[in-house]
C-alpha atoms as a PDB file:
ATOM      1  CA  MET A   1      84.364 108.583  94.976  1.00  0.00           C
ATOM      2  CA  ALA A   2      87.548 110.403  93.914  1.00  0.00           C
ATOM      3  CA  ASP A   3      90.937 108.784  94.359  1.00  0.00           C
ATOM      4  CA  LYS A   4      93.104 110.153  97.148  1.00  0.00           C
ATOM      5  CA  VAL A   5      95.799 112.446  95.790  1.00  0.00           C
ATOM      6  CA  GLU A   6      99.336 111.595  96.879  1.00  0.00           C
ATOM      7  CA  ILE A   7     100.940 114.817  98.093  1.00  0.00           C
ATOM      8  CA  ALA A   8     104.622 115.472  97.374  1.00  0.00           C
ATOM      9  CA  GLU A   9     106.972 115.711 100.365  1.00  0.00           C
ATOM     10  CA  ASP A  10     107.972 119.296  99.590  1.00  0.00           C
ATOM     11  CA  ILE A  11     104.322 120.371  99.666  1.00  0.00           C
ATOM     12  CA  LEU A  12     103.855 118.786 103.097  1.00  0.00           C
ATOM     13  CA  LYS A  13     106.513 121.186 104.426  1.00  0.00           C
ATOM     14  CA  LEU A  14     104.588 124.288 103.295  1.00  0.00           C
ATOM     15  CA  SER A  15     102.338 126.375 105.462  1.00  0.00           C
ATOM     16  CA  PHE A  16      98.723 126.711 104.364  1.00  0.00           C
ATOM     17  CA  GLU A  17      99.400 130.261 103.171  1.00  0.00           C
ATOM     18  CA  GLU A  18     102.454 129.218 101.140  1.00  0.00           C
ATOM     19  CA  ALA A  19     100.567 126.351  99.512  1.00  0.00           C
ATOM     20  CA  LEU A  20      97.583 128.567  98.714  1.00  0.00           C
ATOM     21  CA  GLY A  21      99.852 131.211  97.196  1.00  0.00           C
ATOM     22  CA  GLU A  22     101.547 128.645  94.976  1.00  0.00           C
ATOM     23  CA  LEU A  23      98.176 127.216  93.954  1.00  0.00           C
ATOM     24  CA  GLU A  24      96.936 130.695  93.012  1.00  0.00           C
ATOM     25  CA  SER A  25     100.074 131.211  90.931  1.00  0.00           C
ATOM     26  CA  ILE A  26      99.479 127.933  89.097  1.00  0.00           C
ATOM     27  CA  VAL A  27      95.862 128.854  88.382  1.00  0.00           C
ATOM     28  CA  ASP A  28      96.969 132.223  87.012  1.00  0.00           C
ATOM     29  CA  ARG A  29      99.523 130.562  84.727  1.00  0.00           C
ATOM     30  CA  LEU A  30      97.025 128.025  83.439  1.00  0.00           C
ATOM     31  CA  GLU A  31      94.381 130.697  82.848  1.00  0.00           C
ATOM     32  CA  THR A  32      96.708 132.716  80.627  1.00  0.00           C
ATOM     33  CA  GLY A  33      97.082 129.786  78.235  1.00  0.00           C
ATOM     34  CA  ASP A  34     100.741 130.665  77.637  1.00  0.00           C
ATOM     35  CA  VAL A  35     102.069 127.395  79.051  1.00  0.00           C
ATOM     36  CA  ALA A  36     103.179 124.503  76.846  1.00  0.00           C
ATOM     37  CA  LEU A  37     101.056 121.349  76.998  1.00  0.00           C
ATOM     38  CA  GLU A  38     103.579 119.181  78.883  1.00  0.00           C
ATOM     39  CA  GLU A  39     104.275 121.932  81.403  1.00  0.00           C
ATOM     40  CA  SER A  40     100.533 122.490  81.807  1.00  0.00           C
ATOM     41  CA  ILE A  41     100.100 118.848  82.711  1.00  0.00           C
ATOM     42  CA  GLU A  42     102.909 118.994  85.271  1.00  0.00           C
ATOM     43  CA  ILE A  43     101.734 122.192  86.950  1.00  0.00           C
ATOM     44  CA  TYR A  44      98.138 120.936  86.901  1.00  0.00           C
ATOM     45  CA  ARG A  45      99.319 117.802  88.745  1.00  0.00           C
ATOM     46  CA  ARG A  46     101.125 119.953  91.323  1.00  0.00           C
ATOM     47  CA  GLY A  47      98.067 122.173  91.606  1.00  0.00           C
ATOM     48  CA  SER A  48      95.944 119.117  92.370  1.00  0.00           C
ATOM     49  CA  GLN A  49      98.343 118.153  95.138  1.00  0.00           C
ATOM     50  CA  LEU A  50      98.345 121.688  96.535  1.00  0.00           C
ATOM     51  CA  ARG A  51      94.530 121.773  96.479  1.00  0.00           C
ATOM     52  CA  ALA A  52      94.339 118.456  98.327  1.00  0.00           C
ATOM     53  CA  TYR A  53      96.882 119.680 100.896  1.00  0.00           C
ATOM     54  CA  CYS A  54      94.990 122.938 101.491  1.00  0.00           C
ATOM     55  CA  ASP A  55      91.746 120.983 101.797  1.00  0.00           C
ATOM     56  CA  GLU A  56      93.298 118.717 104.443  1.00  0.00           C
ATOM     57  CA  LYS A  57      94.609 121.735 106.360  1.00  0.00           C
ATOM     58  CA  LEU A  58      91.170 123.388 106.308  1.00  0.00           C
ATOM     59  CA  LYS A  59      89.456 120.194 107.480  1.00  0.00           C
ATOM     60  CA  SER A  60      91.981 119.885 110.301  1.00  0.00           C
ATOM     61  CA  ALA A  61      91.370 123.482 111.374  1.00  0.00           C
ATOM     62  CA  GLN A  62      87.611 122.921 111.264  1.00  0.00           C
ATOM     63  CA  ALA A  63      87.964 119.821 113.447  1.00  0.00           C
ATOM     64  CA  LYS A  64      90.017 121.814 115.977  1.00  0.00           C
ATOM     65  CA  ILE A  65      87.371 124.542 116.091  1.00  0.00           C
ATOM     66  CA  GLU A  66      84.623 121.957 116.567  1.00  0.00           C
ATOM     67  CA  LYS A  67      86.616 120.435 119.410  1.00  0.00           C
ATOM     68  CA  ILE A  68      86.988 123.851 121.044  1.00  0.00           C
ATOM     69  CA  THR A  69      83.307 124.690 120.707  1.00  0.00           C
ATOM     70  CA  GLY A  70      82.378 121.208 121.906  1.00  0.00           C
ATOM     71  CA  ASP A  71      79.223 120.923 119.854  1.00  0.00           C
ATOM     72  CA  GLY A  72      80.486 120.103 116.388  1.00  0.00           C
ATOM     73  CA  GLY A  73      78.789 123.240 115.079  1.00  0.00           C
ATOM     74  CA  THR A  74      79.839 126.776 114.613  1.00  0.00           C
ATOM     75  CA  ALA A  75      79.963 129.215 117.475  1.00  0.00           C
ATOM     76  CA  PRO A  76      81.252 132.766 117.720  1.00  0.00           C
ATOM     77  CA  LEU A  77      84.907 132.929 118.686  1.00  0.00           C
ATOM     78  CA  ASP A  78      84.400 136.153 120.632  1.00  0.00           C
ATOM     79  CA  THR A  79      82.263 135.857 123.732  1.00  0.00           C
ATOM     80  CA  ASP A  80      82.396 139.497 124.815  1.00  0.00           C
END
């Protein structure tokens, strides 16, 4: 089982969309290979925290939807 990632306080203040945008930016930077080793390690660490934060937000949203639908499964949101 993976260790729980400790999420920085400033990340906890971000919306899901802001965190996802920053994570995408980090991935882009790492994929280019133009980042120094030490900086790569630091932004990778932040990326891990952002990923964990986004994952928690998605799980929370899923739990809310399951509570609304009442069956723990998926159901169409439009009933028209």
